[in-house]
């Protein structure tokens, strides 16, 4: 009698480990979102344990002022903010971006990135979606490989009976 064994790791679950107290988190996040209800240049969206801050501006200098001001509101709300995870990107309208503004939270500079992944989507300044599609391709390839492993396991198991 032959024995077959399939070992596979799964990383699917509640987004960002927020399963302990999601209702409490919604109340906490709502408090932060309420700080931006009347602001017309800044929109804040929350999902799981992430916040996305959208800023509209015609110039880099103004973008920097608005961004720093918006994050100052979040500073008051969250003293323990994970600056290593915080990143920003800029989307151009017509011309190339010539100056990358400085945005700080709790006196720490937030990192600029050319490609930003948020809520499972990958955004790039060229709005080409290619980085997102490439990541999806990698995920699909891994799923296909796991599917093949599982199929082989089932074939092996059916032969052992």
N, C-alpha and C. Protein backbone atom coordinates (compact mmCIF):
# COMPACT_ATOMS: atom_id res chain seq x y z
N UNK A 1 0.83 -1.18 0.00
CA UNK A 1 0.00 0.00 0.00
C UNK A 1 0.88 1.24 0.00
N UNK A 2 0.63 2.15 -0.94
CA UNK A 2 1.39 3.39 -1.03
C UNK A 2 0.71 4.48 -0.23
N UNK A 3 1.53 5.33 0.37
CA UNK A 3 0.99 6.46 1.11
C UNK A 3 1.41 7.75 0.42
N UNK A 4 0.52 8.67 0.34
CA UNK A 4 0.79 9.97 -0.26
C UNK A 4 0.57 11.04 0.80
N UNK A 5 1.37 12.07 0.72
CA UNK A 5 1.24 13.16 1.68
C UNK A 5 1.30 14.48 0.93
N UNK A 6 0.37 15.36 1.25
CA UNK A 6 0.33 16.68 0.65
C UNK A 6 0.51 17.70 1.76
N UNK A 7 1.55 18.51 1.63
CA UNK A 7 1.81 19.55 2.62
C UNK A 7 1.71 20.89 1.91
N UNK A 8 0.90 21.77 2.46
CA UNK A 8 0.73 23.08 1.86
C UNK A 8 0.41 24.09 2.94
N UNK A 9 0.96 25.30 2.80
CA UNK A 9 0.67 26.36 3.75
C UNK A 9 -0.39 27.28 3.16
N UNK A 10 -1.28 27.73 4.01
CA UNK A 10 -2.33 28.63 3.58
C UNK A 10 -2.18 29.95 4.30
N UNK A 11 -2.37 31.03 3.58
CA UNK A 11 -2.26 32.35 4.19
C UNK A 11 -3.50 33.19 3.91
N UNK A 12 -4.64 32.53 3.86
CA UNK A 12 -5.90 33.21 3.61
C UNK A 12 -6.64 33.34 4.93
N UNK A 13 -7.19 34.50 5.20
CA UNK A 13 -7.92 34.68 6.44
C UNK A 13 -8.47 36.08 6.53
N UNK A 14 -8.68 36.52 7.72
CA UNK A 14 -9.20 37.86 7.96
C UNK A 14 -8.11 38.87 7.60
N UNK A 15 -8.44 39.95 6.88
CA UNK A 15 -7.42 40.92 6.46
C UNK A 15 -6.60 41.46 7.62
N UNK A 16 -5.31 41.37 7.51
CA UNK A 16 -4.35 41.96 8.43
C UNK A 16 -4.56 41.54 9.88
N UNK A 17 -5.09 40.37 10.12
CA UNK A 17 -5.23 39.88 11.48
C UNK A 17 -6.20 40.66 12.34
N UNK A 18 -7.19 41.27 11.73
CA UNK A 18 -8.10 42.12 12.49
C UNK A 18 -9.29 41.35 13.06
N UNK A 19 -9.15 40.04 13.24
CA UNK A 19 -10.29 39.23 13.66
C UNK A 19 -10.57 39.29 15.16
N UNK A 20 -9.66 39.83 15.96
CA UNK A 20 -9.87 39.81 17.41
C UNK A 20 -11.02 40.70 17.84
N UNK A 21 -11.01 41.94 17.46
CA UNK A 21 -12.06 42.87 17.87
C UNK A 21 -12.44 43.80 16.71
N UNK A 22 -13.03 43.26 15.64
CA UNK A 22 -13.33 44.11 14.49
C UNK A 22 -14.34 45.22 14.79
N UNK A 23 -15.30 44.96 15.66
CA UNK A 23 -16.29 46.00 15.98
C UNK A 23 -15.61 47.16 16.71
N UNK A 24 -14.72 46.84 17.64
CA UNK A 24 -13.99 47.89 18.35
C UNK A 24 -13.14 48.69 17.37
N UNK A 25 -12.50 47.99 16.42
CA UNK A 25 -11.68 48.69 15.44
C UNK A 25 -12.52 49.64 14.59
N UNK A 26 -13.74 49.22 14.21
CA UNK A 26 -14.61 50.10 13.43
C UNK A 26 -14.95 51.38 14.19
N UNK A 27 -15.16 51.26 15.48
CA UNK A 27 -15.43 52.45 16.29
C UNK A 27 -14.21 53.36 16.35
N UNK A 28 -13.04 52.76 16.49
CA UNK A 28 -11.80 53.54 16.55
C UNK A 28 -11.54 54.22 15.21
N UNK A 29 -11.69 53.48 14.12
CA UNK A 29 -11.45 54.03 12.79
C UNK A 29 -12.45 55.14 12.48
N UNK A 30 -13.68 54.97 12.89
CA UNK A 30 -14.71 55.99 12.65
C UNK A 30 -14.33 57.31 13.31
N UNK A 31 -13.73 57.24 14.48
CA UNK A 31 -13.28 58.46 15.17
C UNK A 31 -12.26 59.21 14.32
N UNK A 32 -11.33 58.48 13.71
CA UNK A 32 -10.32 59.11 12.86
C UNK A 32 -10.95 59.66 11.58
N UNK A 33 -11.87 58.91 10.98
CA UNK A 33 -12.51 59.35 9.74
C UNK A 33 -13.34 60.61 9.95
N UNK A 34 -13.94 60.75 11.11
CA UNK A 34 -14.76 61.93 11.40
C UNK A 34 -13.95 63.22 11.40
N UNK A 35 -12.65 63.14 11.60
CA UNK A 35 -11.80 64.32 11.61
C UNK A 35 -11.68 64.94 10.21
N UNK A 36 -12.04 64.18 9.16
CA UNK A 36 -11.86 64.64 7.78
C UNK A 36 -13.18 64.82 7.04
N UNK A 37 -14.30 64.80 7.72
CA UNK A 37 -15.62 64.87 7.07
C UNK A 37 -15.84 66.17 6.28
N UNK A 38 -15.37 67.30 6.79
CA UNK A 38 -15.64 68.58 6.14
C UNK A 38 -14.50 69.05 5.23
N UNK A 39 -13.38 68.36 5.23
CA UNK A 39 -12.23 68.76 4.43
C UNK A 39 -12.49 68.43 2.96
N UNK A 40 -12.36 69.43 2.07
CA UNK A 40 -12.63 69.20 0.65
C UNK A 40 -11.41 68.74 -0.12
N UNK A 41 -10.21 69.05 0.36
CA UNK A 41 -8.99 68.68 -0.36
C UNK A 41 -8.45 67.32 0.08
N UNK A 42 -8.94 66.81 1.22
CA UNK A 42 -8.43 65.55 1.76
C UNK A 42 -9.60 64.59 1.97
N UNK A 43 -9.45 63.39 1.43
CA UNK A 43 -10.43 62.32 1.64
C UNK A 43 -9.69 61.15 2.29
N UNK A 44 -10.30 60.56 3.30
CA UNK A 44 -9.69 59.43 4.00
C UNK A 44 -10.64 58.25 3.91
N UNK A 45 -10.08 57.09 3.55
CA UNK A 45 -10.85 55.85 3.46
C UNK A 45 -10.18 54.82 4.35
N UNK A 46 -10.98 54.03 5.05
CA UNK A 46 -10.45 52.98 5.91
C UNK A 46 -10.93 51.62 5.42
N UNK A 47 -10.04 50.62 5.50
CA UNK A 47 -10.38 49.25 5.19
C UNK A 47 -9.52 48.36 6.06
N UNK A 48 -10.15 47.41 6.75
CA UNK A 48 -9.45 46.55 7.71
C UNK A 48 -8.69 47.46 8.67
N UNK A 49 -7.37 47.35 8.74
CA UNK A 49 -6.61 48.22 9.65
C UNK A 49 -5.73 49.20 8.89
N UNK A 50 -6.13 49.53 7.67
CA UNK A 50 -5.37 50.47 6.84
C UNK A 50 -6.18 51.74 6.60
N UNK A 51 -5.48 52.85 6.43
CA UNK A 51 -6.09 54.12 6.05
C UNK A 51 -5.45 54.58 4.75
N UNK A 52 -6.26 55.09 3.85
CA UNK A 52 -5.78 55.70 2.61
C UNK A 52 -6.14 57.18 2.68
N UNK A 53 -5.14 58.04 2.49
CA UNK A 53 -5.37 59.49 2.50
C UNK A 53 -5.19 59.99 1.07
N UNK A 54 -6.27 60.54 0.50
CA UNK A 54 -6.24 61.08 -0.86
C UNK A 54 -6.22 62.60 -0.78
N UNK A 55 -5.25 63.20 -1.47
CA UNK A 55 -5.06 64.65 -1.41
C UNK A 55 -5.11 65.21 -2.82
N UNK A 56 -5.91 66.26 -3.00
CA UNK A 56 -5.99 66.94 -4.30
C UNK A 56 -5.24 68.25 -4.23
N UNK A 57 -4.33 68.47 -5.19
CA UNK A 57 -3.55 69.70 -5.19
C UNK A 57 -3.02 69.97 -6.59
N UNK A 58 -2.79 71.25 -6.89
CA UNK A 58 -2.27 71.62 -8.20
C UNK A 58 -0.76 71.76 -8.21
N UNK A 59 -0.12 71.82 -7.05
CA UNK A 59 1.33 71.97 -6.99
C UNK A 59 1.94 71.18 -5.86
N UNK A 60 3.21 70.81 -6.03
CA UNK A 60 3.90 70.00 -5.02
C UNK A 60 4.00 70.71 -3.68
N UNK A 61 4.26 72.03 -3.70
CA UNK A 61 4.40 72.76 -2.44
C UNK A 61 3.08 72.74 -1.66
N UNK A 62 1.97 72.89 -2.38
CA UNK A 62 0.65 72.87 -1.74
C UNK A 62 0.32 71.46 -1.27
N UNK A 63 0.69 70.46 -2.07
CA UNK A 63 0.49 69.05 -1.72
C UNK A 63 1.19 68.74 -0.40
N UNK A 64 2.41 69.21 -0.26
CA UNK A 64 3.18 68.98 0.96
C UNK A 64 2.50 69.61 2.17
N UNK A 65 2.02 70.83 2.02
CA UNK A 65 1.33 71.52 3.13
C UNK A 65 0.05 70.79 3.52
N UNK A 66 -0.74 70.43 2.54
CA UNK A 66 -2.01 69.75 2.81
C UNK A 66 -1.76 68.38 3.43
N UNK A 67 -0.79 67.64 2.86
CA UNK A 67 -0.47 66.31 3.38
C UNK A 67 0.02 66.34 4.81
N UNK A 68 0.90 67.28 5.10
CA UNK A 68 1.43 67.40 6.46
C UNK A 68 0.32 67.79 7.43
N UNK A 69 -0.54 68.69 7.01
CA UNK A 69 -1.66 69.12 7.85
C UNK A 69 -2.64 67.97 8.11
N UNK A 70 -2.95 67.21 7.06
CA UNK A 70 -3.86 66.07 7.21
C UNK A 70 -3.28 65.03 8.16
N UNK A 71 -2.00 64.76 8.00
CA UNK A 71 -1.38 63.76 8.86
C UNK A 71 -1.20 64.27 10.28
N UNK A 72 -1.16 65.58 10.46
CA UNK A 72 -1.10 66.14 11.82
C UNK A 72 -2.38 65.79 12.58
N UNK A 73 -3.51 65.76 11.86
CA UNK A 73 -4.77 65.33 12.48
C UNK A 73 -4.68 63.87 12.92
N UNK A 74 -4.06 63.05 12.06
CA UNK A 74 -3.90 61.64 12.43
C UNK A 74 -2.89 61.47 13.56
N UNK A 75 -1.91 62.37 13.64
CA UNK A 75 -0.93 62.31 14.73
C UNK A 75 -1.62 62.44 16.08
N UNK A 76 -2.54 63.38 16.16
CA UNK A 76 -3.27 63.57 17.41
C UNK A 76 -4.08 62.33 17.75
N UNK A 77 -4.59 61.68 16.73
CA UNK A 77 -5.44 60.50 16.93
C UNK A 77 -4.62 59.26 17.27
N UNK A 78 -3.48 59.12 16.64
CA UNK A 78 -2.68 57.90 16.83
C UNK A 78 -1.25 58.24 17.16
N UNK A 79 -0.87 58.08 18.39
CA UNK A 79 0.51 58.38 18.81
C UNK A 79 1.48 57.27 18.38
N UNK A 80 0.97 56.07 18.21
CA UNK A 80 1.83 54.94 17.83
C UNK A 80 1.53 54.52 16.40
N UNK A 81 1.97 55.34 15.45
CA UNK A 81 1.70 55.10 14.04
C UNK A 81 2.89 54.38 13.42
N UNK A 82 2.65 53.40 12.59
CA UNK A 82 3.73 52.62 12.01
C UNK A 82 4.31 53.33 10.80
N UNK A 83 5.35 54.14 11.05
CA UNK A 83 5.94 54.93 9.96
C UNK A 83 6.64 54.06 8.92
N UNK A 84 7.08 52.87 9.29
CA UNK A 84 7.76 51.99 8.33
C UNK A 84 6.77 51.49 7.27
N UNK A 85 5.50 51.32 7.64
CA UNK A 85 4.49 50.85 6.69
C UNK A 85 3.86 51.99 5.90
N UNK A 86 4.03 53.21 6.36
CA UNK A 86 3.38 54.35 5.71
C UNK A 86 4.18 54.79 4.49
N UNK A 87 3.49 54.89 3.35
CA UNK A 87 4.13 55.29 2.09
C UNK A 87 3.15 56.17 1.33
N UNK A 88 3.67 56.94 0.38
CA UNK A 88 2.80 57.71 -0.49
C UNK A 88 3.34 57.68 -1.91
N UNK A 89 2.44 57.91 -2.85
CA UNK A 89 2.81 58.01 -4.25
C UNK A 89 2.08 59.21 -4.84
N UNK A 90 2.49 59.63 -6.01
CA UNK A 90 1.86 60.78 -6.67
C UNK A 90 1.44 60.36 -8.07
N UNK A 91 0.28 60.83 -8.49
CA UNK A 91 -0.22 60.56 -9.83
C UNK A 91 -0.16 61.86 -10.63
N UNK A 92 0.47 61.80 -11.78
CA UNK A 92 0.63 63.00 -12.61
C UNK A 92 -0.62 63.20 -13.46
N UNK A 93 -0.89 64.46 -13.76
CA UNK A 93 -2.01 64.78 -14.65
C UNK A 93 -1.53 64.79 -16.10
N UNK A 94 -0.62 65.68 -16.39
CA UNK A 94 -0.13 65.81 -17.77
C UNK A 94 1.39 65.71 -17.83
N UNK A 95 2.05 66.45 -16.97
CA UNK A 95 3.50 66.53 -17.03
C UNK A 95 4.13 65.60 -15.99
N UNK A 96 5.41 65.34 -16.18
CA UNK A 96 6.13 64.51 -15.22
C UNK A 96 6.29 65.25 -13.90
N UNK A 97 6.36 64.51 -12.83
CA UNK A 97 6.55 65.09 -11.51
C UNK A 97 8.02 65.46 -11.37
N UNK A 98 8.28 66.73 -11.08
CA UNK A 98 9.67 67.20 -11.01
C UNK A 98 10.17 67.32 -9.58
N UNK A 99 9.26 67.38 -8.63
CA UNK A 99 9.67 67.55 -7.24
C UNK A 99 8.85 66.59 -6.36
N UNK A 100 9.55 65.79 -5.57
CA UNK A 100 8.87 64.89 -4.63
C UNK A 100 8.76 65.63 -3.30
N UNK A 101 7.54 65.91 -2.84
CA UNK A 101 7.38 66.65 -1.59
C UNK A 101 7.74 65.82 -0.37
N UNK A 102 8.02 66.50 0.72
CA UNK A 102 8.29 65.84 1.99
C UNK A 102 7.03 65.89 2.84
N UNK A 103 6.60 64.73 3.29
CA UNK A 103 5.45 64.63 4.20
C UNK A 103 5.93 63.89 5.44
N UNK A 104 5.60 64.44 6.61
CA UNK A 104 6.06 63.85 7.87
C UNK A 104 4.88 63.54 8.77
N UNK A 105 5.06 62.52 9.58
CA UNK A 105 4.12 62.21 10.65
C UNK A 105 4.93 61.90 11.89
N UNK A 106 4.58 62.55 12.99
CA UNK A 106 5.34 62.44 14.24
C UNK A 106 6.82 62.72 14.01
N UNK A 107 7.11 63.73 13.21
CA UNK A 107 8.47 64.17 12.87
C UNK A 107 9.28 63.14 12.10
N UNK A 108 8.62 62.13 11.56
CA UNK A 108 9.31 61.12 10.75
C UNK A 108 8.82 61.23 9.32
N UNK A 109 9.77 61.20 8.40
CA UNK A 109 9.44 61.35 6.99
C UNK A 109 8.75 60.09 6.46
N UNK A 110 7.69 60.30 5.70
CA UNK A 110 6.99 59.18 5.07
C UNK A 110 7.66 58.91 3.73
N UNK A 111 7.87 57.66 3.44
CA UNK A 111 8.61 57.22 2.26
C UNK A 111 7.76 57.38 0.99
N UNK A 112 8.37 57.96 -0.05
CA UNK A 112 7.75 58.02 -1.38
C UNK A 112 8.04 56.72 -2.10
N UNK A 113 7.06 56.21 -2.81
CA UNK A 113 7.25 55.00 -3.60
C UNK A 113 6.61 55.20 -4.97
N UNK A 114 7.22 54.62 -5.99
CA UNK A 114 6.67 54.74 -7.34
C UNK A 114 5.50 53.80 -7.55
N UNK A 115 5.38 52.80 -6.67
CA UNK A 115 4.34 51.80 -6.80
C UNK A 115 3.77 51.55 -5.42
N UNK A 116 2.46 51.60 -5.29
CA UNK A 116 1.82 51.49 -3.98
C UNK A 116 0.76 50.40 -4.03
N UNK A 117 0.84 49.45 -3.10
CA UNK A 117 -0.16 48.41 -3.00
C UNK A 117 -1.03 48.69 -1.79
N UNK A 118 -2.31 48.77 -2.03
CA UNK A 118 -3.26 49.08 -0.96
C UNK A 118 -4.56 48.35 -1.23
N UNK A 119 -5.07 47.70 -0.21
CA UNK A 119 -6.33 46.98 -0.32
C UNK A 119 -6.30 45.95 -1.45
N UNK A 120 -5.14 45.37 -1.70
CA UNK A 120 -5.00 44.34 -2.71
C UNK A 120 -4.78 44.84 -4.12
N UNK A 121 -4.82 46.14 -4.33
CA UNK A 121 -4.58 46.72 -5.65
C UNK A 121 -3.22 47.39 -5.68
N UNK A 122 -2.54 47.29 -6.81
CA UNK A 122 -1.25 47.94 -6.98
C UNK A 122 -1.43 49.15 -7.90
N UNK A 123 -1.06 50.31 -7.39
CA UNK A 123 -1.18 51.56 -8.14
C UNK A 123 0.20 52.03 -8.56
N UNK A 124 0.31 52.56 -9.78
CA UNK A 124 1.55 53.17 -10.21
C UNK A 124 1.21 54.52 -10.85
N UNK A 125 2.15 55.47 -10.82
CA UNK A 125 1.88 56.83 -11.33
C UNK A 125 1.46 56.87 -12.80
N UNK A 126 1.84 55.88 -13.57
CA UNK A 126 1.48 55.87 -14.99
C UNK A 126 0.07 55.32 -15.21
N UNK A 127 -0.56 54.85 -14.13
CA UNK A 127 -1.91 54.29 -14.19
C UNK A 127 -2.01 53.20 -15.26
N UNK A 128 -0.98 52.39 -15.37
CA UNK A 128 -0.97 51.37 -16.41
C UNK A 128 -1.53 50.04 -15.92
N UNK A 129 -1.65 49.86 -14.63
CA UNK A 129 -2.12 48.62 -14.01
C UNK A 129 -1.19 47.44 -14.25
N UNK A 130 -0.09 47.62 -14.95
CA UNK A 130 0.82 46.50 -15.22
C UNK A 130 1.42 45.92 -13.93
N UNK A 131 1.88 46.72 -12.98
CA UNK A 131 2.39 46.12 -11.74
C UNK A 131 1.33 45.26 -11.04
N UNK A 132 0.07 45.73 -11.04
CA UNK A 132 -1.00 44.96 -10.41
C UNK A 132 -1.24 43.65 -11.17
N UNK A 133 -1.27 43.73 -12.49
CA UNK A 133 -1.49 42.53 -13.29
C UNK A 133 -0.35 41.54 -13.14
N UNK A 134 0.89 42.02 -13.03
CA UNK A 134 2.03 41.13 -12.82
C UNK A 134 1.93 40.40 -11.49
N UNK A 135 1.49 41.10 -10.44
CA UNK A 135 1.33 40.45 -9.14
C UNK A 135 0.20 39.43 -9.19
N UNK A 136 -0.88 39.76 -9.90
CA UNK A 136 -1.97 38.80 -10.07
C UNK A 136 -1.49 37.56 -10.81
N UNK A 137 -0.65 37.77 -11.82
CA UNK A 137 -0.11 36.64 -12.58
C UNK A 137 0.67 35.71 -11.66
N UNK A 138 1.48 36.29 -10.77
CA UNK A 138 2.25 35.47 -9.83
C UNK A 138 1.33 34.69 -8.89
N UNK A 139 0.28 35.34 -8.40
CA UNK A 139 -0.66 34.65 -7.51
C UNK A 139 -1.37 33.51 -8.24
N UNK A 140 -1.78 33.77 -9.48
CA UNK A 140 -2.47 32.75 -10.26
C UNK A 140 -1.55 31.57 -10.53
N UNK A 141 -0.29 31.85 -10.81
CA UNK A 141 0.68 30.77 -11.04
C UNK A 141 0.83 29.91 -9.79
N UNK A 142 0.92 30.53 -8.62
CA UNK A 142 1.03 29.77 -7.37
C UNK A 142 -0.21 28.93 -7.11
N UNK A 143 -1.39 29.50 -7.38
CA UNK A 143 -2.63 28.74 -7.20
C UNK A 143 -2.68 27.56 -8.16
N UNK A 144 -2.23 27.78 -9.38
CA UNK A 144 -2.22 26.69 -10.36
C UNK A 144 -1.28 25.58 -9.92
N UNK A 145 -0.13 25.94 -9.36
CA UNK A 145 0.82 24.94 -8.87
C UNK A 145 0.22 24.15 -7.71
N UNK A 146 -0.46 24.83 -6.79
CA UNK A 146 -1.10 24.14 -5.67
C UNK A 146 -2.21 23.22 -6.17
N UNK A 147 -2.94 23.67 -7.18
CA UNK A 147 -4.00 22.85 -7.76
C UNK A 147 -3.42 21.59 -8.39
N UNK A 148 -2.30 21.73 -9.07
CA UNK A 148 -1.63 20.57 -9.67
C UNK A 148 -1.16 19.60 -8.59
N UNK A 149 -0.57 20.13 -7.51
CA UNK A 149 -0.14 19.28 -6.39
C UNK A 149 -1.32 18.52 -5.80
N UNK A 150 -2.43 19.21 -5.62
CA UNK A 150 -3.60 18.58 -5.03
C UNK A 150 -4.16 17.50 -5.96
N UNK A 151 -4.17 17.78 -7.26
CA UNK A 151 -4.64 16.78 -8.23
C UNK A 151 -3.77 15.54 -8.18
N UNK A 152 -2.44 15.74 -8.12
CA UNK A 152 -1.52 14.60 -8.03
C UNK A 152 -1.77 13.79 -6.76
N UNK A 153 -2.04 14.50 -5.66
CA UNK A 153 -2.33 13.84 -4.39
C UNK A 153 -3.58 12.98 -4.52
N UNK A 154 -4.63 13.53 -5.15
CA UNK A 154 -5.87 12.77 -5.31
C UNK A 154 -5.67 11.55 -6.19
N UNK A 155 -4.91 11.69 -7.27
CA UNK A 155 -4.62 10.55 -8.16
C UNK A 155 -3.85 9.49 -7.39
N UNK A 156 -2.84 9.91 -6.63
CA UNK A 156 -2.03 8.98 -5.85
C UNK A 156 -2.89 8.28 -4.80
N UNK A 157 -3.76 9.01 -4.17
CA UNK A 157 -4.62 8.45 -3.13
C UNK A 157 -5.61 7.46 -3.73
N UNK A 158 -6.16 7.76 -4.91
CA UNK A 158 -7.12 6.85 -5.54
C UNK A 158 -6.45 5.56 -6.00
N UNK A 159 -5.18 5.61 -6.35
CA UNK A 159 -4.45 4.41 -6.77
C UNK A 159 -4.11 3.51 -5.58
N UNK A 160 -4.04 4.10 -4.39
CA UNK A 160 -3.66 3.30 -3.22
C UNK A 160 -4.82 2.46 -2.70
N UNK A 161 -6.05 2.72 -3.17
CA UNK A 161 -7.21 1.92 -2.72
C UNK A 161 -7.38 0.71 -3.53
